[in-house]
Structure formats: structure tokens, C-alpha cells
Amino acid sequence: MDENRRIAEQLREAAQLIDAQGGSAYRVAAYRRAADETARLLTPLRALFDAQGRAGLQAIPGVGAGISSAIAELLINGSWSMLEALRGAHAEPRPHPHREPPAVLPGAALLLEIDRQYREKAAAGKLPLIAPKRFNPGGKPWLPVMHAQRGEWHFTALFSNTARAHQLGHTHDWVVIYFYDGDHREGQCTVVTETRGALAGRRVVRGRELEGAKSAA
């Protein structure tokens, strides 16, 4: 399989997983369209990227700012962090110099609300479960995943399945939230229970603790 078709298949897989996990039909359709356009493209994606950078990818019909970043990540790293998360193989994010983050980030109050809903639904057994490929030798489906939409924002939330979370025993405390704007530009954050200082015992967005504290005040 040539590289264009391999990347198209990964875009289709993302669409299929989002659909199966109850995610946004808009995102599903966008990834499928980008996959179709990528599969029929005559120019190799790598040659296009090498010559024109992400702007060359973004010029492909159906491939906007966010999906061009995903394709660039696949070309650079050989993997796509969002797809790995959907597969249940979430790991620490790898550097990706061509990722274009959302122009504006979702507020901490909104992220904390997504975190609350995710943990409540996970505890009630109301979410689909996926079988992580890391730290899961028995292949058991234990990791709840939630997709949600609030305004233009699309969210994917799941417990952290990183080596660090396992080492510290926080696999059912740390929640990784991926967020996407209307152009599929991707960002992510981790929500944790603070263990020190004035915010001890409260849920906070890591790196945005003071913003979250003001929102909850």
C-alpha cells in the first residue's frame, strides 16, 4: 500500500471509531471526505509536503487546517496522536512542529464540565469501553471514552493510560481531553485532582489551575 492510501485508511479508521463511539457526525463526514480525496490524489503526499509544507496539504479539497496537521503528523511521526487515543493507545503527546492549535482555547470552566460529565458517565457505566493497546496484556475493554459537542467545540475524553498515570495510580483520576474547533484544529489538556496547596482536592486543568479556580469561585 502506498503512503497516500495508508494515510487515507487511517483517516477512515478515525471516522469509523468516532462513529462507533457515538461521536460527531460532522467530524465523521469530514474525515471520510478527506480520506477519499487523499486516496485519489495522484501526487504523493510526502512530495507535496516536502515542497510546500502544510499549506500544500491544506490545498487538497476537504483537507483544512486541522486535518492537514493530522496528515503532517503522520508524515513526520508515522502516527497520529488522536487516532492512537481513539484506539485506546493514548501516550504522552509527541512534539509536532506543524500542528496548528485552535486560535482560541476552550475555557477552563467548560473543560471542567466535560471532565465532570465524563467521570459521572464512566462511573455509571454509560460510556462505550475500548481495549487499550498499552498496559493491557489481557486485551480487556476497560477504558471509557466520551465524545461531546458544545457549540463549535468537539471533545473526546478518556482516562489517561500513560506510563506516568499507571506508576502513580492515577488511571481513574487523570482525564485527558482532546478538543477540536470547527476547522478540526486539535488541542489537548489533562484534568487532575490537585494534591497540594490551596486547591488540594479540587479538579483543575493542568497548566491552567488559577483559571479553573476563578471559574469555580
N, C-alpha and C. Protein backbone atom coordinates (compact mmCIF):
# COMPACT_ATOMS: atom_id res chain seq x y z
N MET A 1 0.85 -1.19 0.00
CA MET A 1 0.00 0.00 0.00
C MET A 1 0.89 1.24 0.00
N ASP A 2 0.64 2.18 -0.93
CA ASP A 2 1.46 3.38 -0.96
C ASP A 2 1.07 4.30 0.20
N GLU A 3 1.92 5.31 0.44
CA GLU A 3 1.73 6.16 1.62
C GLU A 3 0.42 6.93 1.58
N ASN A 4 0.02 7.40 0.39
CA ASN A 4 -1.25 8.12 0.30
C ASN A 4 -2.40 7.24 0.77
N ARG A 5 -2.43 6.01 0.30
CA ARG A 5 -3.53 5.11 0.67
C ARG A 5 -3.46 4.71 2.14
N ARG A 6 -2.25 4.57 2.65
CA ARG A 6 -2.11 4.23 4.07
C ARG A 6 -2.67 5.35 4.94
N ILE A 7 -2.37 6.59 4.58
CA ILE A 7 -2.87 7.73 5.36
C ILE A 7 -4.38 7.85 5.19
N ALA A 8 -4.87 7.60 3.97
CA ALA A 8 -6.32 7.63 3.75
C ALA A 8 -7.02 6.60 4.64
N GLU A 9 -6.42 5.41 4.76
CA GLU A 9 -7.01 4.37 5.60
C GLU A 9 -7.03 4.79 7.07
N GLN A 10 -6.02 5.51 7.51
CA GLN A 10 -6.00 5.97 8.90
C GLN A 10 -7.06 7.04 9.14
N LEU A 11 -7.28 7.90 8.16
CA LEU A 11 -8.36 8.89 8.27
C LEU A 11 -9.71 8.18 8.32
N ARG A 12 -9.89 7.15 7.50
CA ARG A 12 -11.14 6.39 7.51
C ARG A 12 -11.32 5.67 8.85
N GLU A 13 -10.22 5.14 9.38
CA GLU A 13 -10.32 4.45 10.67
C GLU A 13 -10.75 5.42 11.77
N ALA A 14 -10.20 6.64 11.75
CA ALA A 14 -10.61 7.64 12.73
C ALA A 14 -12.10 7.91 12.61
N ALA A 15 -12.59 8.05 11.39
CA ALA A 15 -14.02 8.29 11.17
C ALA A 15 -14.85 7.13 11.71
N GLN A 16 -14.40 5.90 11.43
CA GLN A 16 -15.15 4.72 11.88
C GLN A 16 -15.19 4.64 13.40
N LEU A 17 -14.07 4.93 14.06
CA LEU A 17 -14.02 4.84 15.52
C LEU A 17 -14.87 5.94 16.16
N ILE A 18 -14.79 7.14 15.64
CA ILE A 18 -15.63 8.23 16.18
C ILE A 18 -17.10 7.88 16.03
N ASP A 19 -17.46 7.33 14.88
CA ASP A 19 -18.85 6.94 14.64
C ASP A 19 -19.27 5.84 15.62
N ALA A 20 -18.43 4.81 15.78
CA ALA A 20 -18.77 3.69 16.66
C ALA A 20 -18.84 4.10 18.12
N GLN A 21 -18.08 5.13 18.49
CA GLN A 21 -18.05 5.59 19.87
C GLN A 21 -19.09 6.68 20.15
N GLY A 22 -19.94 6.96 19.17
CA GLY A 22 -21.02 7.93 19.38
C GLY A 22 -20.59 9.37 19.23
N GLY A 23 -19.56 9.62 18.42
CA GLY A 23 -19.06 10.98 18.25
C GLY A 23 -19.81 11.77 17.20
N SER A 24 -19.28 12.93 16.89
CA SER A 24 -19.91 13.89 15.99
C SER A 24 -20.00 13.39 14.55
N ALA A 25 -21.20 13.43 13.99
CA ALA A 25 -21.39 13.05 12.58
C ALA A 25 -20.64 14.01 11.67
N TYR A 26 -20.50 15.25 12.09
CA TYR A 26 -19.77 16.26 11.31
C TYR A 26 -18.30 15.87 11.19
N ARG A 27 -17.70 15.46 12.30
CA ARG A 27 -16.30 15.03 12.26
C ARG A 27 -16.15 13.77 11.42
N VAL A 28 -17.07 12.84 11.58
CA VAL A 28 -17.03 11.60 10.82
C VAL A 28 -17.03 11.89 9.32
N ALA A 29 -17.95 12.74 8.89
CA ALA A 29 -18.06 13.08 7.46
C ALA A 29 -16.81 13.79 6.97
N ALA A 30 -16.25 14.67 7.79
CA ALA A 30 -15.06 15.43 7.38
C ALA A 30 -13.87 14.50 7.17
N TYR A 31 -13.65 13.55 8.08
CA TYR A 31 -12.52 12.64 7.92
C TYR A 31 -12.73 11.70 6.73
N ARG A 32 -13.96 11.29 6.50
CA ARG A 32 -14.22 10.41 5.36
C ARG A 32 -13.99 11.14 4.04
N ARG A 33 -14.42 12.39 3.98
CA ARG A 33 -14.20 13.15 2.75
C ARG A 33 -12.70 13.35 2.51
N ALA A 34 -11.97 13.70 3.56
CA ALA A 34 -10.53 13.89 3.42
C ALA A 34 -9.85 12.59 3.00
N ALA A 35 -10.32 11.46 3.53
CA ALA A 35 -9.76 10.16 3.15
C ALA A 35 -9.99 9.88 1.67
N ASP A 36 -11.19 10.16 1.19
CA ASP A 36 -11.49 9.93 -0.23
C ASP A 36 -10.61 10.79 -1.13
N GLU A 37 -10.46 12.06 -0.77
CA GLU A 37 -9.64 12.96 -1.58
C GLU A 37 -8.16 12.55 -1.55
N THR A 38 -7.71 12.12 -0.39
CA THR A 38 -6.31 11.70 -0.25
C THR A 38 -6.03 10.44 -1.06
N ALA A 39 -6.97 9.50 -1.04
CA ALA A 39 -6.78 8.23 -1.75
C ALA A 39 -6.71 8.42 -3.25
N ARG A 40 -7.45 9.40 -3.77
CA ARG A 40 -7.46 9.59 -5.22
C ARG A 40 -6.40 10.60 -5.70
N LEU A 41 -5.66 11.18 -4.78
CA LEU A 41 -4.64 12.16 -5.14
C LEU A 41 -3.50 11.49 -5.91
N LEU A 42 -3.12 12.07 -7.03
CA LEU A 42 -2.06 11.49 -7.85
C LEU A 42 -0.66 11.86 -7.35
N THR A 43 -0.53 13.02 -6.75
CA THR A 43 0.76 13.46 -6.23
C THR A 43 1.01 12.83 -4.86
N PRO A 44 2.19 12.28 -4.60
CA PRO A 44 2.47 11.74 -3.26
C PRO A 44 2.35 12.84 -2.20
N LEU A 45 1.69 12.52 -1.10
CA LEU A 45 1.53 13.49 -0.03
C LEU A 45 2.88 13.96 0.50
N ARG A 46 3.83 13.05 0.58
CA ARG A 46 5.15 13.42 1.10
C ARG A 46 5.84 14.42 0.19
N ALA A 47 5.74 14.22 -1.11
CA ALA A 47 6.35 15.16 -2.05
C ALA A 47 5.67 16.52 -1.95
N LEU A 48 4.36 16.52 -1.80
CA LEU A 48 3.62 17.77 -1.66
C LEU A 48 4.02 18.49 -0.38
N PHE A 49 4.15 17.74 0.71
CA PHE A 49 4.52 18.33 1.98
C PHE A 49 5.96 18.84 1.96
N ASP A 50 6.86 18.07 1.36
CA ASP A 50 8.26 18.48 1.29
C ASP A 50 8.42 19.76 0.47
N ALA A 51 7.60 19.91 -0.57
CA ALA A 51 7.74 21.07 -1.46
C ALA A 51 7.03 22.31 -0.92
N GLN A 52 5.86 22.12 -0.30
CA GLN A 52 5.03 23.27 0.05
C GLN A 52 4.65 23.33 1.53
N GLY A 53 5.09 22.35 2.31
CA GLY A 53 4.73 22.36 3.72
C GLY A 53 3.25 22.06 3.91
N ARG A 54 2.74 22.45 5.07
CA ARG A 54 1.35 22.14 5.39
C ARG A 54 0.38 22.89 4.48
N ALA A 55 0.83 24.02 3.92
CA ALA A 55 -0.04 24.76 3.00
C ALA A 55 -0.40 23.92 1.79
N GLY A 56 0.53 23.10 1.33
CA GLY A 56 0.25 22.23 0.19
C GLY A 56 -0.79 21.18 0.53
N LEU A 57 -0.73 20.64 1.74
CA LEU A 57 -1.73 19.67 2.17
C LEU A 57 -3.09 20.33 2.34
N GLN A 58 -3.09 21.53 2.88
CA GLN A 58 -4.34 22.23 3.15
C GLN A 58 -5.08 22.59 1.86
N ALA A 59 -4.35 22.66 0.75
CA ALA A 59 -4.97 22.99 -0.53
C ALA A 59 -5.74 21.82 -1.13
N ILE A 60 -5.56 20.61 -0.59
CA ILE A 60 -6.31 19.45 -1.09
C ILE A 60 -7.78 19.62 -0.72
N PRO A 61 -8.71 19.42 -1.63
CA PRO A 61 -10.13 19.55 -1.29
C PRO A 61 -10.50 18.68 -0.10
N GLY A 62 -11.23 19.26 0.84
CA GLY A 62 -11.66 18.50 2.01
C GLY A 62 -10.63 18.42 3.12
N VAL A 63 -9.43 18.97 2.90
CA VAL A 63 -8.38 18.94 3.91
C VAL A 63 -8.12 20.37 4.36
N GLY A 64 -8.63 20.73 5.51
CA GLY A 64 -8.45 22.08 6.02
C GLY A 64 -7.30 22.16 7.00
N ALA A 65 -7.36 23.17 7.86
CA ALA A 65 -6.26 23.44 8.78
C ALA A 65 -5.98 22.26 9.71
N GLY A 66 -7.03 21.71 10.31
CA GLY A 66 -6.84 20.65 11.29
C GLY A 66 -6.41 19.33 10.68
N ILE A 67 -7.07 18.91 9.60
CA ILE A 67 -6.74 17.62 9.00
C ILE A 67 -5.38 17.67 8.32
N SER A 68 -4.99 18.84 7.82
CA SER A 68 -3.64 18.95 7.25
C SER A 68 -2.59 18.74 8.35
N SER A 69 -2.88 19.21 9.56
CA SER A 69 -1.97 18.97 10.68
C SER A 69 -1.88 17.48 11.00
N ALA A 70 -3.03 16.79 10.93
CA ALA A 70 -3.03 15.35 11.19
C ALA A 70 -2.19 14.61 10.16
N ILE A 71 -2.34 14.98 8.89
CA ILE A 71 -1.57 14.32 7.84
C ILE A 71 -0.08 14.61 8.02
N ALA A 72 0.26 15.86 8.36
CA ALA A 72 1.65 16.22 8.60
C ALA A 72 2.22 15.40 9.76
N GLU A 73 1.43 15.20 10.80
CA GLU A 73 1.88 14.40 11.95
C GLU A 73 2.16 12.96 11.52
N LEU A 74 1.30 12.41 10.67
CA LEU A 74 1.51 11.06 10.16
C LEU A 74 2.78 10.98 9.32
N LEU A 75 3.03 11.99 8.52
CA LEU A 75 4.23 12.00 7.68
C LEU A 75 5.50 12.15 8.51
N ILE A 76 5.43 12.95 9.58
CA ILE A 76 6.61 13.22 10.39
C ILE A 76 6.87 12.11 11.39
N ASN A 77 5.83 11.73 12.14
CA ASN A 77 6.00 10.78 13.26
C ASN A 77 5.63 9.35 12.90
N GLY A 78 4.88 9.17 11.82
CA GLY A 78 4.41 7.83 11.48
C GLY A 78 3.20 7.41 12.27
N SER A 79 2.69 8.30 13.11
CA SER A 79 1.50 8.02 13.91
C SER A 79 0.75 9.33 14.12
N TRP A 80 -0.48 9.21 14.59
CA TRP A 80 -1.37 10.37 14.78
C TRP A 80 -1.94 10.24 16.19
N SER A 81 -1.61 11.19 17.06
CA SER A 81 -1.96 11.07 18.47
C SER A 81 -3.46 10.90 18.68
N MET A 82 -4.27 11.60 17.93
CA MET A 82 -5.71 11.48 18.10
C MET A 82 -6.20 10.08 17.74
N LEU A 83 -5.70 9.51 16.66
CA LEU A 83 -6.09 8.16 16.27
C LEU A 83 -5.64 7.15 17.31
N GLU A 84 -4.44 7.33 17.84
CA GLU A 84 -3.95 6.43 18.88
C GLU A 84 -4.87 6.47 20.10
N ALA A 85 -5.35 7.66 20.46
CA ALA A 85 -6.27 7.78 21.59
C ALA A 85 -7.58 7.06 21.30
N LEU A 86 -8.10 7.23 20.10
CA LEU A 86 -9.35 6.56 19.73
C LEU A 86 -9.19 5.05 19.76
N ARG A 87 -7.99 4.56 19.47
CA ARG A 87 -7.71 3.11 19.52
C ARG A 87 -7.50 2.62 20.95
N GLY A 88 -7.38 3.55 21.89
CA GLY A 88 -7.08 3.16 23.26
C GLY A 88 -5.61 3.03 23.53
N ALA A 89 -4.79 3.67 22.72
CA ALA A 89 -3.33 3.57 22.89
C ALA A 89 -2.74 4.91 23.26
N HIS A 90 -3.50 5.71 24.02
CA HIS A 90 -3.04 7.05 24.39
C HIS A 90 -1.69 7.01 25.09
N ALA A 91 -0.79 7.89 24.63
CA ALA A 91 0.52 8.03 25.26
C ALA A 91 0.81 9.51 25.43
N GLU A 92 1.95 9.83 26.03
CA GLU A 92 2.32 11.23 26.14
C GLU A 92 2.45 11.83 24.75
N PRO A 93 1.93 13.06 24.54
CA PRO A 93 1.99 13.66 23.21
C PRO A 93 3.42 13.86 22.73
N ARG A 94 3.65 13.62 21.45
CA ARG A 94 4.97 13.82 20.86
C ARG A 94 5.02 15.18 20.19
N PRO A 95 6.19 15.82 20.16
CA PRO A 95 6.30 17.12 19.51
C PRO A 95 5.89 17.05 18.04
N HIS A 96 5.19 18.06 17.60
CA HIS A 96 4.74 18.10 16.20
C HIS A 96 4.77 19.56 15.75
N PRO A 97 5.89 19.99 15.11
CA PRO A 97 6.06 21.41 14.79
C PRO A 97 5.05 21.95 13.81
N HIS A 98 4.35 21.08 13.08
CA HIS A 98 3.40 21.57 12.08
C HIS A 98 1.96 21.52 12.57
N ARG A 99 1.74 21.19 13.84
CA ARG A 99 0.37 21.20 14.36
C ARG A 99 -0.08 22.64 14.55
N GLU A 100 -1.24 22.96 14.02
CA GLU A 100 -1.82 24.29 14.20
C GLU A 100 -2.90 24.20 15.28
N PRO A 101 -2.64 24.77 16.45
CA PRO A 101 -3.63 24.67 17.53
C PRO A 101 -4.82 25.58 17.25
N PRO A 102 -5.93 25.38 17.95
CA PRO A 102 -7.05 26.30 17.80
C PRO A 102 -6.62 27.73 18.11
N ALA A 103 -7.21 28.68 17.42
CA ALA A 103 -6.85 30.08 17.64
C ALA A 103 -7.23 30.53 19.04
N VAL A 104 -8.32 29.99 19.57
CA VAL A 104 -8.79 30.29 20.92
C VAL A 104 -9.02 28.96 21.64
N LEU A 105 -8.62 28.87 22.88
CA LEU A 105 -8.80 27.64 23.64
C LEU A 105 -10.15 27.64 24.34
N PRO A 106 -10.74 26.46 24.53
CA PRO A 106 -11.97 26.41 25.33
C PRO A 106 -11.68 26.82 26.76
N GLY A 107 -12.63 27.49 27.40
CA GLY A 107 -12.43 27.96 28.76
C GLY A 107 -12.25 26.82 29.75
N ALA A 108 -11.56 27.10 30.85
CA ALA A 108 -11.33 26.08 31.87
C ALA A 108 -12.65 25.58 32.44
N ALA A 109 -13.63 26.47 32.60
CA ALA A 109 -14.92 26.05 33.15
C ALA A 109 -15.58 25.00 32.26
N LEU A 110 -15.48 25.18 30.94
CA LEU A 110 -16.06 24.22 30.00
C LEU A 110 -15.31 22.89 30.06
N LEU A 111 -13.99 22.95 30.13
CA LEU A 111 -13.19 21.73 30.22
C LEU A 111 -13.50 20.97 31.51
N LEU A 112 -13.68 21.68 32.61
CA LEU A 112 -14.02 21.03 33.87
C LEU A 112 -15.42 20.42 33.83
N GLU A 113 -16.33 21.04 33.08
CA GLU A 113 -17.66 20.47 32.93
C GLU A 113 -17.61 19.18 32.11
N ILE A 114 -16.80 19.17 31.04
CA ILE A 114 -16.62 17.94 30.25
C ILE A 114 -16.01 16.84 31.13
N ASP A 115 -15.02 17.22 31.94
CA ASP A 115 -14.40 16.27 32.87
C ASP A 115 -15.44 15.70 33.83
N ARG A 116 -16.29 16.55 34.39
CA ARG A 116 -17.30 16.08 35.34
C ARG A 116 -18.27 15.11 34.67
N GLN A 117 -18.75 15.47 33.49
CA GLN A 117 -19.70 14.60 32.79
C GLN A 117 -19.05 13.26 32.45
N TYR A 118 -17.81 13.32 32.01
CA TYR A 118 -17.11 12.07 31.65
C TYR A 118 -17.01 11.16 32.86
N ARG A 119 -16.55 11.67 33.99
CA ARG A 119 -16.35 10.82 35.16
C ARG A 119 -17.67 10.28 35.70
N GLU A 120 -18.71 11.11 35.65
CA GLU A 120 -20.03 10.65 36.11
C GLU A 120 -20.58 9.54 35.22
N LYS A 121 -20.47 9.72 33.91
CA LYS A 121 -20.98 8.71 32.98
C LYS A 121 -20.14 7.45 33.03
N ALA A 122 -18.82 7.61 33.21
CA ALA A 122 -17.95 6.44 33.31
C ALA A 122 -18.31 5.63 34.57
N ALA A 123 -18.54 6.32 35.68
CA ALA A 123 -18.87 5.63 36.93
C ALA A 123 -20.21 4.91 36.83
N ALA A 124 -21.13 5.49 36.03
CA ALA A 124 -22.46 4.90 35.89
C ALA A 124 -22.51 3.83 34.81
N GLY A 125 -21.40 3.57 34.15
CA GLY A 125 -21.36 2.56 33.09
C GLY A 125 -22.12 2.96 31.85
N LYS A 126 -22.18 4.27 31.55
CA LYS A 126 -22.97 4.76 30.43
C LYS A 126 -22.13 5.08 29.19
N LEU A 127 -20.86 4.72 29.20
CA LEU A 127 -19.98 5.04 28.08
C LEU A 127 -19.45 3.77 27.42
N PRO A 128 -19.18 3.82 26.10
CA PRO A 128 -18.55 2.67 25.45
C PRO A 128 -17.14 2.47 26.00
N LEU A 129 -16.70 1.22 26.02
CA LEU A 129 -15.37 0.88 26.53
C LEU A 129 -14.48 0.45 25.37
N ILE A 130 -13.23 0.86 25.43
CA ILE A 130 -12.26 0.42 24.44
C ILE A 130 -11.14 -0.33 25.15
N ALA A 131 -10.46 -1.20 24.43
CA ALA A 131 -9.38 -2.02 24.99
C ALA A 131 -8.04 -1.36 24.66
N PRO A 132 -7.40 -0.72 25.64
CA PRO A 132 -6.11 -0.08 25.36
C PRO A 132 -5.08 -1.09 24.85
N LYS A 133 -4.23 -0.64 23.96
CA LYS A 133 -3.17 -1.50 23.44
C LYS A 133 -1.92 -1.41 24.30
N ARG A 134 -1.88 -0.45 25.22
CA ARG A 134 -0.74 -0.30 26.12
C ARG A 134 -1.19 -0.66 27.54
N PHE A 135 -0.31 -1.33 28.29
CA PHE A 135 -0.55 -1.66 29.69
C PHE A 135 -1.86 -2.45 29.86
N ASN A 136 -2.14 -3.33 28.93
CA ASN A 136 -3.37 -4.10 28.98
C ASN A 136 -3.13 -5.48 28.38
N PRO A 137 -2.29 -6.30 29.03
CA PRO A 137 -1.88 -7.58 28.44
C PRO A 137 -3.05 -8.51 28.15
N GLY A 138 -4.13 -8.39 28.91
CA GLY A 138 -5.27 -9.28 28.67
C GLY A 138 -6.19 -8.80 27.57
N GLY A 139 -5.93 -7.61 27.03
CA GLY A 139 -6.78 -7.06 25.96
C GLY A 139 -8.20 -6.75 26.42
N LYS A 140 -8.36 -6.44 27.69
CA LYS A 140 -9.70 -6.21 28.25
C LYS A 140 -10.20 -4.81 27.91
N PRO A 141 -11.45 -4.66 27.46
CA PRO A 141 -12.02 -3.33 27.22
C PRO A 141 -12.44 -2.69 28.55
N TRP A 142 -11.60 -1.77 29.05
CA TRP A 142 -11.90 -1.15 30.34
C TRP A 142 -11.94 0.37 30.28
N LEU A 143 -11.44 0.96 29.19
CA LEU A 143 -11.25 2.41 29.14
C LEU A 143 -12.48 3.11 28.56
N PRO A 144 -13.24 3.84 29.38
CA PRO A 144 -14.42 4.54 28.85
C PRO A 144 -13.99 5.72 27.97
N VAL A 145 -14.74 5.97 26.91
CA VAL A 145 -14.47 7.11 26.04
C VAL A 145 -15.77 7.87 25.84
N MET A 146 -15.67 9.20 25.86
CA MET A 146 -16.84 10.04 25.67
C MET A 146 -16.56 11.09 24.60
N HIS A 147 -17.49 11.24 23.68
CA HIS A 147 -17.45 12.32 22.70
C HIS A 147 -18.59 13.28 23.03
N ALA A 148 -18.32 14.57 22.93
CA ALA A 148 -19.33 15.57 23.23
C ALA A 148 -19.13 16.79 22.36
N GLN A 149 -20.18 17.54 22.14
CA GLN A 149 -20.10 18.78 21.38
C GLN A 149 -20.76 19.89 22.18
N ARG A 150 -20.06 21.03 22.26
CA ARG A 150 -20.59 22.21 22.92
C ARG A 150 -20.30 23.40 22.02
N GLY A 151 -21.34 23.92 21.37
CA GLY A 151 -21.12 24.98 20.40
C GLY A 151 -20.27 24.47 19.25
N GLU A 152 -19.23 25.19 18.89
CA GLU A 152 -18.35 24.74 17.81
C GLU A 152 -17.32 23.73 18.29
N TRP A 153 -17.21 23.52 19.60
CA TRP A 153 -16.18 22.64 20.14
C TRP A 153 -16.62 21.19 20.14
N HIS A 154 -15.71 20.32 19.71
CA HIS A 154 -15.90 18.87 19.79
C HIS A 154 -14.87 18.35 20.79
N PHE A 155 -15.31 17.45 21.66
CA PHE A 155 -14.43 16.92 22.71
C PHE A 155 -14.39 15.40 22.67
N THR A 156 -13.22 14.85 22.97
CA THR A 156 -13.05 13.43 23.22
C THR A 156 -12.35 13.32 24.57
N ALA A 157 -12.98 12.62 25.52
CA ALA A 157 -12.42 12.50 26.86
C ALA A 157 -12.20 11.03 27.22
N LEU A 158 -11.09 10.74 27.90
CA LEU A 158 -10.82 9.39 28.36
C LEU A 158 -9.78 9.44 29.47
N PHE A 159 -9.80 8.45 30.35
CA PHE A 159 -8.81 8.40 31.41
C PHE A 159 -7.42 8.24 30.81
N SER A 160 -6.43 8.84 31.47
CA SER A 160 -5.06 8.75 30.99
C SER A 160 -4.56 7.32 31.11
N ASN A 161 -3.95 6.83 30.03
CA ASN A 161 -3.37 5.49 30.02
C ASN A 161 -1.87 5.57 29.76
N THR A 162 -1.25 6.62 30.33
CA THR A 162 0.19 6.79 30.17
C THR A 162 0.95 6.00 31.23
N ALA A 163 2.23 5.80 30.97
CA ALA A 163 3.08 5.11 31.95
C ALA A 163 3.07 5.86 33.28
N ARG A 164 3.11 7.18 33.22
CA ARG A 164 3.14 8.00 34.44
C ARG A 164 1.87 7.80 35.26
N ALA A 165 0.70 7.79 34.58
CA ALA A 165 -0.57 7.59 35.29
C ALA A 165 -0.59 6.23 35.98
N HIS A 166 -0.06 5.21 35.33
CA HIS A 166 -0.02 3.88 35.93
C HIS A 166 0.95 3.85 37.11
N GLN A 167 2.10 4.47 36.97
CA GLN A 167 3.10 4.47 38.04
C GLN A 167 2.56 5.12 39.31
N LEU A 168 1.77 6.19 39.15
CA LEU A 168 1.26 6.94 40.29
C LEU A 168 -0.13 6.49 40.74
N GLY A 169 -0.70 5.52 40.03
CA GLY A 169 -2.03 5.04 40.39
C GLY A 169 -3.14 6.01 40.10
N HIS A 170 -3.00 6.80 39.03
CA HIS A 170 -3.98 7.82 38.71
C HIS A 170 -4.77 7.52 37.43
N THR A 171 -4.84 6.26 37.04
CA THR A 171 -5.52 5.93 35.79
C THR A 171 -7.02 6.17 35.85
N HIS A 172 -7.58 6.33 37.05
CA HIS A 172 -9.00 6.66 37.15
C HIS A 172 -9.21 8.04 37.78
N ASP A 173 -8.16 8.86 37.70
CA ASP A 173 -8.26 10.24 38.16
C ASP A 173 -7.92 11.22 37.04
N TRP A 174 -6.78 11.01 36.40
CA TRP A 174 -6.37 11.90 35.33
C TRP A 174 -7.25 11.68 34.10
N VAL A 175 -7.82 12.75 33.59
CA VAL A 175 -8.67 12.67 32.40
C VAL A 175 -8.04 13.51 31.30
N VAL A 176 -7.77 12.87 30.18
CA VAL A 176 -7.22 13.57 29.02
C VAL A 176 -8.39 14.00 28.14
N ILE A 177 -8.43 15.28 27.80
CA ILE A 177 -9.49 15.82 26.96
C ILE A 177 -8.86 16.37 25.68
N TYR A 178 -9.25 15.79 24.56
CA TYR A 178 -8.88 16.33 23.25
C TYR A 178 -10.00 17.26 22.82
N PHE A 179 -9.65 18.41 22.28
CA PHE A 179 -10.67 19.34 21.81
C PHE A 179 -10.34 19.81 20.40
N TYR A 180 -11.41 20.05 19.64
CA TYR A 180 -11.28 20.39 18.22
C TYR A 180 -12.24 21.53 17.93
N ASP A 181 -11.74 22.52 17.18
CA ASP A 181 -12.62 23.62 16.80
C ASP A 181 -13.33 23.29 15.49
N GLY A 182 -14.04 24.24 14.94
CA GLY A 182 -14.82 23.98 13.72
C GLY A 182 -13.99 23.65 12.51
N ASP A 183 -12.68 23.94 12.55
CA ASP A 183 -11.78 23.61 11.44
C ASP A 183 -10.94 22.37 11.75
N HIS A 184 -11.33 21.62 12.80
CA HIS A 184 -10.65 20.38 13.20
C HIS A 184 -9.24 20.62 13.72
N ARG A 185 -8.94 21.87 14.10
CA ARG A 185 -7.64 22.12 14.74
C ARG A 185 -7.70 21.56 16.15
N GLU A 186 -6.66 20.84 16.51
CA GLU A 186 -6.68 19.99 17.71
C GLU A 186 -5.81 20.54 18.83
N GLY A 187 -6.30 20.39 20.04
CA GLY A 187 -5.51 20.65 21.24
C GLY A 187 -5.85 19.61 22.27
N GLN A 188 -5.13 19.58 23.36
CA GLN A 188 -5.46 18.63 24.41
C GLN A 188 -5.01 19.16 25.76
N CYS A 189 -5.64 18.66 26.80
CA CYS A 189 -5.27 19.04 28.15
C CYS A 189 -5.53 17.85 29.05
N THR A 190 -5.04 17.93 30.29
CA THR A 190 -5.29 16.89 31.27
C THR A 190 -5.91 17.52 32.50
N VAL A 191 -6.98 16.93 32.99
CA VAL A 191 -7.66 17.39 34.20
C VAL A 191 -7.34 16.41 35.32
N VAL A 192 -6.92 16.94 36.47
CA VAL A 192 -6.49 16.10 37.58
C VAL A 192 -7.09 16.62 38.88
N THR A 193 -7.00 15.81 39.92
CA THR A 193 -7.34 16.27 41.26
C THR A 193 -6.07 16.84 41.88
N GLU A 194 -6.09 18.11 42.22
CA GLU A 194 -4.91 18.76 42.81
C GLU A 194 -4.61 18.14 44.17
N THR A 195 -3.34 17.93 44.46
CA THR A 195 -2.95 17.27 45.71
C THR A 195 -2.22 18.19 46.68
N ARG A 196 -1.90 19.41 46.23
CA ARG A 196 -1.14 20.30 47.09
C ARG A 196 -1.72 21.71 47.08
N GLY A 197 -1.38 22.48 48.08
CA GLY A 197 -1.71 23.89 48.11
C GLY A 197 -3.17 24.18 48.38
N ALA A 198 -3.55 25.42 48.07
CA ALA A 198 -4.90 25.90 48.36
C ALA A 198 -5.97 25.17 47.56
N LEU A 199 -5.59 24.59 46.42
CA LEU A 199 -6.56 23.91 45.56
C LEU A 199 -6.61 22.41 45.80
N ALA A 200 -5.94 21.92 46.83
CA ALA A 200 -5.90 20.48 47.10
C ALA A 200 -7.32 19.92 47.19
N GLY A 201 -7.52 18.80 46.49
CA GLY A 201 -8.83 18.14 46.49
C GLY A 201 -9.76 18.61 45.40
N ARG A 202 -9.39 19.67 44.68
CA ARG A 202 -10.26 20.19 43.63
C ARG A 202 -9.77 19.74 42.26
N ARG A 203 -10.70 19.61 41.32
CA ARG A 203 -10.35 19.28 39.95
C ARG A 203 -9.80 20.53 39.26
N VAL A 204 -8.67 20.39 38.58
CA VAL A 204 -8.04 21.52 37.90
C VAL A 204 -7.55 21.08 36.53
N VAL A 205 -7.49 22.03 35.61
CA VAL A 205 -6.89 21.80 34.30
C VAL A 205 -5.41 22.05 34.45
N ARG A 206 -4.62 21.02 34.23
CA ARG A 206 -3.18 21.14 34.43
C ARG A 206 -2.62 22.26 33.56
N GLY A 207 -1.87 23.17 34.20
CA GLY A 207 -1.31 24.31 33.49
C GLY A 207 -2.22 25.52 33.48
N ARG A 208 -3.48 25.34 33.90
CA ARG A 208 -4.44 26.44 33.92
C ARG A 208 -5.17 26.44 35.27
N GLU A 209 -4.44 26.10 36.33
CA GLU A 209 -5.05 25.92 37.64
C GLU A 209 -5.74 27.19 38.15
N LEU A 210 -5.12 28.33 37.99
CA LEU A 210 -5.71 29.56 38.52
C LEU A 210 -6.97 29.94 37.74
N GLU A 211 -6.96 29.72 36.43
CA GLU A 211 -8.14 30.00 35.63
C GLU A 211 -9.31 29.12 36.09
N GLY A 212 -9.03 27.87 36.35
CA GLY A 212 -10.08 26.98 36.81
C GLY A 212 -10.60 27.36 38.17
N ALA A 213 -9.70 27.82 39.05
CA ALA A 213 -10.12 28.23 40.39
C ALA A 213 -11.03 29.44 40.33
N LYS A 214 -10.73 30.40 39.45
CA LYS A 214 -11.59 31.57 39.30
C LYS A 214 -12.94 31.19 38.75
N SER A 215 -12.96 30.21 37.81
CA SER A 215 -14.22 29.79 37.21
C SER A 215 -15.13 29.14 38.24
N ALA A 216 -14.52 28.42 39.19
CA ALA A 216 -15.31 27.70 40.19
C ALA A 216 -15.70 28.58 41.37
N ALA A 217 -15.08 29.76 41.48
CA ALA A 217 -15.34 30.63 42.62
C ALA A 217 -16.74 31.20 42.58
